[in-house]
Amino acid sequence: KIRTYNFHESRVTDHRIGLTSYRLGEVLDGDLDDFIDALTASLRPSDAAATA
């Protein structure tokens, strides 16, 4: 399961990164910037791993 869309609560949850947004309408209109930014950040190597 990648995302859950809860129309009753106007909520979207991305289970890969643990991000929940209560802007379902905007997300369905294509405003995925918060999710893209969080997913991109989660895929970057951490600073600690980069210096090891």
PDB file of N, CA and C in Angstrom:
ATOM      1  N   LYS A   1       0.866  -1.172   0.000  1.00  0.00           N
ATOM      2  CA  LYS A   1       0.000   0.000   0.000  1.00  0.00           C
ATOM      3  C   LYS A   1       0.908   1.228   0.000  1.00  0.00           C
ATOM      4  N   ILE A   2       0.673   2.119  -0.945  1.00  0.00           N
ATOM      5  CA  ILE A   2       1.496   3.322  -1.053  1.00  0.00           C
ATOM      6  C   ILE A   2       0.788   4.520  -0.442  1.00  0.00           C
ATOM      7  N   ARG A   3      -0.442   4.777  -0.864  1.00  0.00           N
ATOM      8  CA  ARG A   3      -1.192   5.918  -0.340  1.00  0.00           C
ATOM      9  C   ARG A   3      -2.611   5.508   0.004  1.00  0.00           C
ATOM     10  N   THR A   4      -3.150   6.202   1.005  1.00  0.00           N
ATOM     11  CA  THR A   4      -4.553   6.058   1.366  1.00  0.00           C
ATOM     12  C   THR A   4      -5.231   7.396   1.143  1.00  0.00           C
ATOM     13  N   TYR A   5      -6.358   7.365   0.449  1.00  0.00           N
ATOM     14  CA  TYR A   5      -7.157   8.567   0.208  1.00  0.00           C
ATOM     15  C   TYR A   5      -8.440   8.428   1.014  1.00  0.00           C
ATOM     16  N   ASN A   6      -8.634   9.303   1.990  1.00  0.00           N
ATOM     17  CA  ASN A   6      -9.817   9.261   2.833  1.00  0.00           C
ATOM     18  C   ASN A   6     -10.657  10.491   2.514  1.00  0.00           C
ATOM     19  N   PHE A   7     -11.706  10.294   1.723  1.00  0.00           N
ATOM     20  CA  PHE A   7     -12.524  11.414   1.264  1.00  0.00           C
ATOM     21  C   PHE A   7     -13.343  12.023   2.396  1.00  0.00           C
ATOM     22  N   HIS A   8     -13.796  11.205   3.323  1.00  0.00           N
ATOM     23  CA  HIS A   8     -14.609  11.703   4.439  1.00  0.00           C
ATOM     24  C   HIS A   8     -13.834  12.719   5.282  1.00  0.00           C
ATOM     25  N   GLU A   9     -12.543  12.456   5.502  1.00  0.00           N
ATOM     26  CA  GLU A   9     -11.709  13.347   6.316  1.00  0.00           C
ATOM     27  C   GLU A   9     -10.873  14.304   5.472  1.00  0.00           C
ATOM     28  N   SER A  10     -11.009  14.235   4.141  1.00  0.00           N
ATOM     29  CA  SER A  10     -10.205  15.050   3.221  1.00  0.00           C
ATOM     30  C   SER A  10      -8.713  14.842   3.494  1.00  0.00           C
ATOM     31  N   ARG A  11      -8.339  13.561   3.654  1.00  0.00           N
ATOM     32  CA  ARG A  11      -6.980  13.219   4.079  1.00  0.00           C
ATOM     33  C   ARG A  11      -6.304  12.305   3.071  1.00  0.00           C
ATOM     34  N   VAL A  12      -5.005  12.549   2.862  1.00  0.00           N
ATOM     35  CA  VAL A  12      -4.162  11.676   2.055  1.00  0.00           C
ATOM     36  C   VAL A  12      -2.971  11.288   2.917  1.00  0.00           C
ATOM     37  N   THR A  13      -2.669  10.000   2.970  1.00  0.00           N
ATOM     38  CA  THR A  13      -1.502   9.536   3.706  1.00  0.00           C
ATOM     39  C   THR A  13      -0.620   8.739   2.769  1.00  0.00           C
ATOM     40  N   ASP A  14       0.656   9.107   2.712  1.00  0.00           N
ATOM     41  CA  ASP A  14       1.645   8.340   1.960  1.00  0.00           C
ATOM     42  C   ASP A  14       2.367   7.462   2.970  1.00  0.00           C
ATOM     43  N   HIS A  15       2.178   6.164   2.863  1.00  0.00           N
ATOM     44  CA  HIS A  15       2.691   5.225   3.859  1.00  0.00           C
ATOM     45  C   HIS A  15       4.182   4.966   3.718  1.00  0.00           C
ATOM     46  N   ARG A  16       4.757   5.274   2.557  1.00  0.00           N
ATOM     47  CA  ARG A  16       6.197   5.074   2.379  1.00  0.00           C
ATOM     48  C   ARG A  16       6.998   6.040   3.229  1.00  0.00           C
ATOM     49  N   ILE A  17       6.484   7.268   3.369  1.00  0.00           N
ATOM     50  CA  ILE A  17       7.238   8.314   4.068  1.00  0.00           C
ATOM     51  C   ILE A  17       6.541   8.791   5.328  1.00  0.00           C
ATOM     52  N   GLY A  18       5.352   8.281   5.600  1.00  0.00           N
ATOM     53  CA  GLY A  18       4.632   8.652   6.812  1.00  0.00           C
ATOM     54  C   GLY A  18       4.083  10.062   6.796  1.00  0.00           C
ATOM     55  N   LEU A  19       3.788  10.593   5.620  1.00  0.00           N
ATOM     56  CA  LEU A  19       3.269  11.959   5.503  1.00  0.00           C
ATOM     57  C   LEU A  19       1.755  11.927   5.351  1.00  0.00           C
ATOM     58  N   THR A  20       1.071  12.739   6.134  1.00  0.00           N
ATOM     59  CA  THR A  20      -0.376  12.884   6.042  1.00  0.00           C
ATOM     60  C   THR A  20      -0.707  14.327   5.735  1.00  0.00           C
ATOM     61  N   SER A  21      -1.606  14.526   4.781  1.00  0.00           N
ATOM     62  CA  SER A  21      -2.051  15.861   4.396  1.00  0.00           C
ATOM     63  C   SER A  21      -3.572  15.891   4.439  1.00  0.00           C
ATOM     64  N   TYR A  22      -4.101  16.986   4.910  1.00  0.00           N
ATOM     65  CA  TYR A  22      -5.558  17.165   4.941  1.00  0.00           C
ATOM     66  C   TYR A  22      -5.992  18.102   3.820  1.00  0.00           C
ATOM     67  N   ARG A  23      -5.305  18.000   2.682  1.00  0.00           N
ATOM     68  CA  ARG A  23      -5.612  18.817   1.508  1.00  0.00           C
ATOM     69  C   ARG A  23      -5.917  17.894   0.324  1.00  0.00           C
ATOM     70  N   LEU A  24      -6.863  17.011   0.509  1.00  0.00           N
ATOM     71  CA  LEU A  24      -7.173  16.008  -0.507  1.00  0.00           C
ATOM     72  C   LEU A  24      -7.523  16.638  -1.846  1.00  0.00           C
ATOM     73  N   GLY A  25      -8.339  17.682  -1.838  1.00  0.00           N
ATOM     74  CA  GLY A  25      -8.736  18.322  -3.090  1.00  0.00           C
ATOM     75  C   GLY A  25      -7.554  18.836  -3.879  1.00  0.00           C
ATOM     76  N   GLU A  26      -6.623  19.495  -3.204  1.00  0.00           N
ATOM     77  CA  GLU A  26      -5.439  20.023  -3.874  1.00  0.00           C
ATOM     78  C   GLU A  26      -4.556  18.898  -4.414  1.00  0.00           C
ATOM     79  N   VAL A  27      -4.420  17.828  -3.630  1.00  0.00           N
ATOM     80  CA  VAL A  27      -3.611  16.694  -4.072  1.00  0.00           C
ATOM     81  C   VAL A  27      -4.225  16.071  -5.321  1.00  0.00           C
ATOM     82  N   LEU A  28      -5.532  15.904  -5.331  1.00  0.00           N
ATOM     83  CA  LEU A  28      -6.196  15.329  -6.505  1.00  0.00           C
ATOM     84  C   LEU A  28      -6.115  16.252  -7.713  1.00  0.00           C
ATOM     85  N   ASP A  29      -5.950  17.557  -7.464  1.00  0.00           N
ATOM     86  CA  ASP A  29      -5.770  18.516  -8.560  1.00  0.00           C
ATOM     87  C   ASP A  29      -4.331  18.552  -9.058  1.00  0.00           C
ATOM     88  N   GLY A  30      -3.449  17.774  -8.431  1.00  0.00           N
ATOM     89  CA  GLY A  30      -2.075  17.670  -8.904  1.00  0.00           C
ATOM     90  C   GLY A  30      -1.037  18.345  -8.033  1.00  0.00           C
ATOM     91  N   ASP A  31      -1.437  18.930  -6.924  1.00  0.00           N
ATOM     92  CA  ASP A  31      -0.484  19.594  -6.033  1.00  0.00           C
ATOM     93  C   ASP A  31       0.183  18.546  -5.142  1.00  0.00           C
ATOM     94  N   LEU A  32       1.214  17.920  -5.680  1.00  0.00           N
ATOM     95  CA  LEU A  32       1.915  16.847  -4.978  1.00  0.00           C
ATOM     96  C   LEU A  32       3.264  17.289  -4.429  1.00  0.00           C
ATOM     97  N   ASP A  33       3.527  18.589  -4.430  1.00  0.00           N
ATOM     98  CA  ASP A  33       4.846  19.094  -4.045  1.00  0.00           C
ATOM     99  C   ASP A  33       5.281  18.619  -2.663  1.00  0.00           C
ATOM    100  N   ASP A  34       4.393  18.659  -1.679  1.00  0.00           N
ATOM    101  CA  ASP A  34       4.758  18.216  -0.327  1.00  0.00           C
ATOM    102  C   ASP A  34       5.185  16.749  -0.330  1.00  0.00           C
ATOM    103  N   PHE A  35       4.466  15.926  -1.068  1.00  0.00           N
ATOM    104  CA  PHE A  35       4.777  14.504  -1.126  1.00  0.00           C
ATOM    105  C   PHE A  35       6.071  14.254  -1.894  1.00  0.00           C
ATOM    106  N   ILE A  36       6.257  14.958  -2.993  1.00  0.00           N
ATOM    107  CA  ILE A  36       7.477  14.799  -3.787  1.00  0.00           C
ATOM    108  C   ILE A  36       8.695  15.230  -2.982  1.00  0.00           C
ATOM    109  N   ASP A  37       8.596  16.372  -2.309  1.00  0.00           N
ATOM    110  CA  ASP A  37       9.719  16.864  -1.505  1.00  0.00           C
ATOM    111  C   ASP A  37      10.067  15.889  -0.383  1.00  0.00           C
ATOM    112  N   ALA A  38       9.057  15.383   0.309  1.00  0.00           N
ATOM    113  CA  ALA A  38       9.302  14.453   1.416  1.00  0.00           C
ATOM    114  C   ALA A  38       9.880  13.132   0.912  1.00  0.00           C
ATOM    115  N   LEU A  39       9.378  12.638  -0.201  1.00  0.00           N
ATOM    116  CA  LEU A  39       9.891  11.387  -0.748  1.00  0.00           C
ATOM    117  C   LEU A  39      11.321  11.560  -1.232  1.00  0.00           C
ATOM    118  N   THR A  40      11.608  12.667  -1.900  1.00  0.00           N
ATOM    119  CA  THR A  40      12.963  12.948  -2.367  1.00  0.00           C
ATOM    120  C   THR A  40      13.925  13.034  -1.189  1.00  0.00           C
ATOM    121  N   ALA A  41      13.521  13.725  -0.129  1.00  0.00           N
ATOM    122  CA  ALA A  41      14.368  13.852   1.059  1.00  0.00           C
ATOM    123  C   ALA A  41      14.609  12.491   1.706  1.00  0.00           C
ATOM    124  N   SER A  42      13.608  11.628   1.697  1.00  0.00           N
ATOM    125  CA  SER A  42      13.771  10.314   2.324  1.00  0.00           C
ATOM    126  C   SER A  42      14.697   9.413   1.516  1.00  0.00           C
ATOM    127  N   LEU A  43      14.849   9.685   0.229  1.00  0.00           N
ATOM    128  CA  LEU A  43      15.704   8.859  -0.624  1.00  0.00           C
ATOM    129  C   LEU A  43      17.142   9.339  -0.660  1.00  0.00           C
ATOM    130  N   ARG A  44      17.403  10.559  -0.212  1.00  0.00           N
ATOM    131  CA  ARG A  44      18.769  11.083  -0.177  1.00  0.00           C
ATOM    132  C   ARG A  44      19.551  10.370   0.917  1.00  0.00           C
ATOM    133  N   PRO A  45      20.824  10.101   0.637  1.00  0.00           N
ATOM    134  CA  PRO A  45      21.635   9.536   1.723  1.00  0.00           C
ATOM    135  C   PRO A  45      21.772  10.554   2.846  1.00  0.00           C
ATOM    136  N   SER A  46      21.758  10.077   4.060  1.00  0.00           N
ATOM    137  CA  SER A  46      21.879  10.995   5.196  1.00  0.00           C
ATOM    138  C   SER A  46      23.287  11.573   5.235  1.00  0.00           C
ATOM    139  N   ASP A  47      23.424  12.714   5.896  1.00  0.00           N
ATOM    140  CA  ASP A  47      24.735  13.349   6.012  1.00  0.00           C
ATOM    141  C   ASP A  47      25.728  12.429   6.713  1.00  0.00           C
ATOM    142  N   ALA A  48      25.276  11.692   7.705  1.00  0.00           N
ATOM    143  CA  ALA A  48      26.161  10.785   8.439  1.00  0.00           C
ATOM    144  C   ALA A  48      26.675   9.669   7.529  1.00  0.00           C
ATOM    145  N   ALA A  49      25.807   9.145   6.686  1.00  0.00           N
ATOM    146  CA  ALA A  49      26.215   8.070   5.782  1.00  0.00           C
ATOM    147  C   ALA A  49      27.145   8.596   4.700  1.00  0.00           C
ATOM    148  N   ALA A  50      26.959   9.838   4.293  1.00  0.00           N
ATOM    149  CA  ALA A  50      27.778  10.419   3.235  1.00  0.00           C
ATOM    150  C   ALA A  50      29.208  10.672   3.707  1.00  0.00           C
ATOM    151  N   THR A  51      29.395  10.908   4.996  1.00  0.00           N
ATOM    152  CA  THR A  51      30.732  11.199   5.509  1.00  0.00           C
ATOM    153  C   THR A  51      31.463   9.947   5.980  1.00  0.00           C
ATOM    154  N   ALA A  52      30.780   8.824   6.011  1.00  0.00           N
ATOM    155  CA  ALA A  52      31.404   7.581   6.496  1.00  0.00           C
ATOM    156  C   ALA A  52      32.259   6.935   5.433  1.00  0.00           C
TER     157      ALA A  52
END
